[in-house]
Amino acid sequence: MFEAAIDKIPAIGFSLNDYKHSADLSHTEKYIEIIARNVLEKGLPKGVCLNVNIPANSDKAIKGVKVCRQSMGSWVEEFDERVDPRGRDYYWITGVFSNPDNVEGTDTMAMEENYVSVVPMKFDFTDYDAMKVVEGFDFSTEPKGENPNKKD
């Protein structure tokens, strides 16, 4: 998805919040179609892609679509040591999703409230607030105080 956006190609990544091999995707089609149609008809800003998360199928109807920001959650990885059928050891990555940022306006909250979340994303890790702080640094190459190499 990001690779396409970097190359100025409109891109959408769709994910289903269901980790079962037998996950039911039947409820996703109408949302995928409407989101894709909107992108095709209206386009996306250059360098932007969409990260779409769809709640797992349940007896509760999806309430709609929310445009949100990405929450600041992350996976805390764990490794499960296993043995394959030939007796060789291997490791399976497991873990839990830790999210202290599950607040209104985030993708995780939208999904918790049974909405499809749409997060416009771009590949720019610049921290614009931090730029103001770093611009105040002293980047002079001269040592502070008297210059020992200075000739009179």
C-alpha atoms as a PDB file:
ATOM      1  CA  MET A   1       0.000   0.000   0.000  1.00  0.00           C
ATOM      2  CA  PHE A   2       2.727   2.501   0.979  1.00  0.00           C
ATOM      3  CA  GLU A   3       4.865   1.486  -1.992  1.00  0.00           C
ATOM      4  CA  ALA A   4       2.022   2.404  -4.341  1.00  0.00           C
ATOM      5  CA  ALA A   5       1.421   5.730  -2.576  1.00  0.00           C
ATOM      6  CA  ILE A   6       5.131   6.592  -2.799  1.00  0.00           C
ATOM      7  CA  ASP A   7       4.871   6.006  -6.557  1.00  0.00           C
ATOM      8  CA  LYS A   8       1.763   8.265  -6.690  1.00  0.00           C
ATOM      9  CA  ILE A   9      -0.572   5.320  -7.342  1.00  0.00           C
ATOM     10  CA  PRO A  10      -3.873   5.401  -5.417  1.00  0.00           C
ATOM     11  CA  ALA A  11      -3.923   2.430  -3.048  1.00  0.00           C
ATOM     12  CA  ILE A  12      -6.202   0.924  -0.439  1.00  0.00           C
ATOM     13  CA  GLY A  13      -5.345  -1.761   2.091  1.00  0.00           C
ATOM     14  CA  PHE A  14      -8.362  -3.682   3.399  1.00  0.00           C
ATOM     15  CA  SER A  15      -8.164  -5.724   6.608  1.00  0.00           C
ATOM     16  CA  LEU A  16     -10.727  -7.793   8.444  1.00  0.00           C
ATOM     17  CA  ASN A  17     -10.551  -7.808  12.234  1.00  0.00           C
ATOM     18  CA  ASP A  18     -10.922 -11.585  12.380  1.00  0.00           C
ATOM     19  CA  TYR A  19      -7.932 -13.904  12.706  1.00  0.00           C
ATOM     20  CA  LYS A  20      -9.704 -17.229  12.132  1.00  0.00           C
ATOM     21  CA  HIS A  21      -8.882 -19.310   9.043  1.00  0.00           C
ATOM     22  CA  SER A  22     -12.632 -19.654   8.510  1.00  0.00           C
ATOM     23  CA  ALA A  23     -13.298 -15.891   8.765  1.00  0.00           C
ATOM     24  CA  ASP A  24     -16.574 -14.818   7.173  1.00  0.00           C
ATOM     25  CA  LEU A  25     -15.971 -12.089   4.589  1.00  0.00           C
ATOM     26  CA  SER A  26     -19.529 -11.918   3.276  1.00  0.00           C
ATOM     27  CA  HIS A  27     -20.298  -8.576   4.952  1.00  0.00           C
ATOM     28  CA  THR A  28     -17.217  -6.808   3.566  1.00  0.00           C
ATOM     29  CA  GLU A  29     -18.103  -6.640  -0.132  1.00  0.00           C
ATOM     30  CA  LYS A  30     -20.409  -3.613  -0.003  1.00  0.00           C
ATOM     31  CA  TYR A  31     -17.879  -1.583   2.019  1.00  0.00           C
ATOM     32  CA  ILE A  32     -14.965  -2.528  -0.221  1.00  0.00           C
ATOM     33  CA  GLU A  33     -17.023  -1.586  -3.275  1.00  0.00           C
ATOM     34  CA  ILE A  34     -18.202   1.798  -1.975  1.00  0.00           C
ATOM     35  CA  ILE A  35     -14.759   2.819  -0.685  1.00  0.00           C
ATOM     36  CA  ALA A  36     -13.037   1.731  -3.918  1.00  0.00           C
ATOM     37  CA  ARG A  37     -15.681   3.501  -6.034  1.00  0.00           C
ATOM     38  CA  ASN A  38     -15.163   6.740  -4.101  1.00  0.00           C
ATOM     39  CA  VAL A  39     -11.392   6.549  -4.631  1.00  0.00           C
ATOM     40  CA  LEU A  40     -11.822   5.814  -8.341  1.00  0.00           C
ATOM     41  CA  GLU A  41     -14.310   8.653  -8.828  1.00  0.00           C
ATOM     42  CA  LYS A  42     -12.775  11.308  -6.554  1.00  0.00           C
ATOM     43  CA  GLY A  43      -9.151  10.216  -6.356  1.00  0.00           C
ATOM     44  CA  LEU A  44      -6.758  10.587  -3.445  1.00  0.00           C
ATOM     45  CA  PRO A  45      -4.192  13.306  -2.778  1.00  0.00           C
ATOM     46  CA  LYS A  46      -0.756  12.482  -4.197  1.00  0.00           C
ATOM     47  CA  GLY A  47       1.210  10.188  -1.925  1.00  0.00           C
ATOM     48  CA  VAL A  48      -1.837   9.185   0.174  1.00  0.00           C
ATOM     49  CA  CYS A  49      -3.218   5.679   0.631  1.00  0.00           C
ATOM     50  CA  LEU A  50      -6.127   4.370   2.681  1.00  0.00           C
ATOM     51  CA  ASN A  51      -5.875   1.850   5.505  1.00  0.00           C
ATOM     52  CA  VAL A  52      -9.339   0.304   5.909  1.00  0.00           C
ATOM     53  CA  ASN A  53     -10.270  -1.988   8.804  1.00  0.00           C
ATOM     54  CA  ILE A  54     -13.548  -3.875   8.806  1.00  0.00           C
ATOM     55  CA  PRO A  55     -15.015  -5.391  11.982  1.00  0.00           C
ATOM     56  CA  ALA A  56     -15.479  -9.160  12.137  1.00  0.00           C
ATOM     57  CA  ASN A  57     -18.866 -10.437  11.018  1.00  0.00           C
ATOM     58  CA  SER A  58     -21.269 -10.713  13.945  1.00  0.00           C
ATOM     59  CA  ASP A  59     -24.950 -10.541  14.745  1.00  0.00           C
ATOM     60  CA  LYS A  60     -24.562  -6.754  15.125  1.00  0.00           C
ATOM     61  CA  ALA A  61     -24.901  -4.738  11.927  1.00  0.00           C
ATOM     62  CA  ILE A  62     -22.005  -2.463  11.012  1.00  0.00           C
ATOM     63  CA  LYS A  63     -23.048   1.110  11.830  1.00  0.00           C
ATOM     64  CA  GLY A  64     -21.283   2.738   8.887  1.00  0.00           C
ATOM     65  CA  VAL A  65     -17.889   4.142   7.926  1.00  0.00           C
ATOM     66  CA  LYS A  66     -15.739   6.560   9.952  1.00  0.00           C
ATOM     67  CA  VAL A  67     -12.703   8.457   8.734  1.00  0.00           C
ATOM     68  CA  CYS A  68     -10.245   8.343  11.639  1.00  0.00           C
ATOM     69  CA  ARG A  69      -6.663   8.681  12.687  1.00  0.00           C
ATOM     70  CA  GLN A  70      -4.464   5.702  13.382  1.00  0.00           C
ATOM     71  CA  SER A  71      -4.219   4.770  17.048  1.00  0.00           C
ATOM     72  CA  MET A  72      -0.786   4.493  18.614  1.00  0.00           C
ATOM     73  CA  GLY A  73      -1.133   0.824  19.507  1.00  0.00           C
ATOM     74  CA  SER A  74       1.469  -1.829  18.796  1.00  0.00           C
ATOM     75  CA  TRP A  75       1.969  -5.557  18.976  1.00  0.00           C
ATOM     76  CA  VAL A  76       3.939  -6.910  21.922  1.00  0.00           C
ATOM     77  CA  GLU A  77       5.543  -9.918  20.284  1.00  0.00           C
ATOM     78  CA  GLU A  78       6.150 -13.243  21.941  1.00  0.00           C
ATOM     79  CA  PHE A  79       7.710 -16.331  20.422  1.00  0.00           C
ATOM     80  CA  ASP A  80       6.215 -19.764  20.857  1.00  0.00           C
ATOM     81  CA  GLU A  81       8.761 -22.579  20.438  1.00  0.00           C
ATOM     82  CA  ARG A  82       7.248 -25.479  18.494  1.00  0.00           C
ATOM     83  CA  VAL A  83       8.283 -28.700  16.753  1.00  0.00           C
ATOM     84  CA  ASP A  84       7.327 -29.447  13.142  1.00  0.00           C
ATOM     85  CA  PRO A  85       6.184 -32.929  11.952  1.00  0.00           C
ATOM     86  CA  ARG A  86       9.816 -33.819  11.102  1.00  0.00           C
ATOM     87  CA  GLY A  87      10.954 -33.106  14.642  1.00  0.00           C
ATOM     88  CA  ARG A  88      12.649 -29.774  13.869  1.00  0.00           C
ATOM     89  CA  ASP A  89      12.294 -26.805  16.179  1.00  0.00           C
ATOM     90  CA  TYR A  90      10.748 -23.597  14.905  1.00  0.00           C
ATOM     91  CA  TYR A  91       9.307 -20.443  16.422  1.00  0.00           C
ATOM     92  CA  TRP A  92       5.809 -19.063  15.873  1.00  0.00           C
ATOM     93  CA  ILE A  93       5.322 -15.344  16.450  1.00  0.00           C
ATOM     94  CA  THR A  94       2.455 -14.651  18.819  1.00  0.00           C
ATOM     95  CA  GLY A  95       1.651 -11.725  21.037  1.00  0.00           C
ATOM     96  CA  VAL A  96      -0.943  -9.271  22.163  1.00  0.00           C
ATOM     97  CA  PHE A  97      -2.038  -5.905  20.828  1.00  0.00           C
ATOM     98  CA  SER A  98      -1.317  -3.168  23.343  1.00  0.00           C
ATOM     99  CA  ASN A  99      -3.205   0.066  22.785  1.00  0.00           C
ATOM    100  CA  PRO A 100      -3.177   2.849  25.372  1.00  0.00           C
ATOM    101  CA  ASP A 101      -4.573   5.157  22.655  1.00  0.00           C
ATOM    102  CA  ASN A 102      -8.053   3.633  22.257  1.00  0.00           C
ATOM    103  CA  VAL A 103      -9.938   6.948  22.276  1.00  0.00           C
ATOM    104  CA  GLU A 104     -12.654   8.617  20.206  1.00  0.00           C
ATOM    105  CA  GLY A 105     -11.467   9.463  16.713  1.00  0.00           C
ATOM    106  CA  THR A 106      -9.097   6.495  16.379  1.00  0.00           C
ATOM    107  CA  ASP A 107      -9.417   3.487  14.113  1.00  0.00           C
ATOM    108  CA  THR A 108      -9.469   1.075  17.049  1.00  0.00           C
ATOM    109  CA  MET A 109     -12.321   2.922  18.763  1.00  0.00           C
ATOM    110  CA  ALA A 110     -14.296   3.026  15.510  1.00  0.00           C
ATOM    111  CA  MET A 111     -13.926  -0.728  15.142  1.00  0.00           C
ATOM    112  CA  GLU A 112     -14.832  -1.275  18.798  1.00  0.00           C
ATOM    113  CA  GLU A 113     -18.022   0.711  18.139  1.00  0.00           C
ATOM    114  CA  ASN A 114     -18.676  -1.523  15.064  1.00  0.00           C
ATOM    115  CA  TYR A 115     -17.749   0.965  12.338  1.00  0.00           C
ATOM    116  CA  VAL A 116     -15.508   0.421   9.340  1.00  0.00           C
ATOM    117  CA  SER A 117     -12.461   2.634   9.922  1.00  0.00           C
ATOM    118  CA  VAL A 118     -10.783   4.517   7.069  1.00  0.00           C
ATOM    119  CA  VAL A 119      -7.396   6.078   7.829  1.00  0.00           C
ATOM    120  CA  PRO A 120      -5.777   8.265   5.154  1.00  0.00           C
ATOM    121  CA  MET A 121      -2.030   7.671   5.435  1.00  0.00           C
ATOM    122  CA  LYS A 122       1.114   9.016   3.835  1.00  0.00           C
ATOM    123  CA  PHE A 123       4.745   8.059   4.000  1.00  0.00           C
ATOM    124  CA  ASP A 124       6.160  10.965   5.991  1.00  0.00           C
ATOM    125  CA  PHE A 125       7.599  10.232   9.405  1.00  0.00           C
ATOM    126  CA  THR A 126       8.618  13.844   9.959  1.00  0.00           C
ATOM    127  CA  ASP A 127       7.702  15.128  13.408  1.00  0.00           C
ATOM    128  CA  TYR A 128       6.812  18.715  12.551  1.00  0.00           C
ATOM    129  CA  ASP A 129       6.446  19.758  16.210  1.00  0.00           C
ATOM    130  CA  ALA A 130       9.896  18.379  17.010  1.00  0.00           C
ATOM    131  CA  MET A 131      11.352  20.300  14.054  1.00  0.00           C
ATOM    132  CA  LYS A 132      10.681  23.545  15.954  1.00  0.00           C
ATOM    133  CA  VAL A 133      12.613  22.223  18.962  1.00  0.00           C
ATOM    134  CA  VAL A 134      15.524  20.890  16.908  1.00  0.00           C
ATOM    135  CA  GLU A 135      15.734  24.124  14.895  1.00  0.00           C
ATOM    136  CA  GLY A 136      16.643  25.785  18.225  1.00  0.00           C
ATOM    137  CA  PHE A 137      19.727  23.573  18.653  1.00  0.00           C
ATOM    138  CA  ASP A 138      23.175  25.141  18.318  1.00  0.00           C
ATOM    139  CA  PHE A 139      24.781  23.489  15.308  1.00  0.00           C
ATOM    140  CA  SER A 140      27.830  25.756  15.187  1.00  0.00           C
ATOM    141  CA  THR A 141      31.086  23.937  14.596  1.00  0.00           C
ATOM    142  CA  GLU A 142      33.156  26.344  16.691  1.00  0.00           C
ATOM    143  CA  PRO A 143      33.802  25.248  20.279  1.00  0.00           C
ATOM    144  CA  LYS A 144      32.179  27.314  22.984  1.00  0.00           C
ATOM    145  CA  GLY A 145      34.380  29.858  24.675  1.00  0.00           C
ATOM    146  CA  GLU A 146      37.865  30.744  23.509  1.00  0.00           C
ATOM    147  CA  ASN A 147      39.113  29.036  20.338  1.00  0.00           C
ATOM    148  CA  PRO A 148      42.443  27.316  21.141  1.00  0.00           C
ATOM    149  CA  ASN A 149      43.389  27.173  17.439  1.00  0.00           C
ATOM    150  CA  LYS A 150      42.867  30.874  16.830  1.00  0.00           C
ATOM    151  CA  LYS A 151      46.061  32.797  15.931  1.00  0.00           C
ATOM    152  CA  ASP A 152      46.492  36.453  16.922  1.00  0.00           C
END
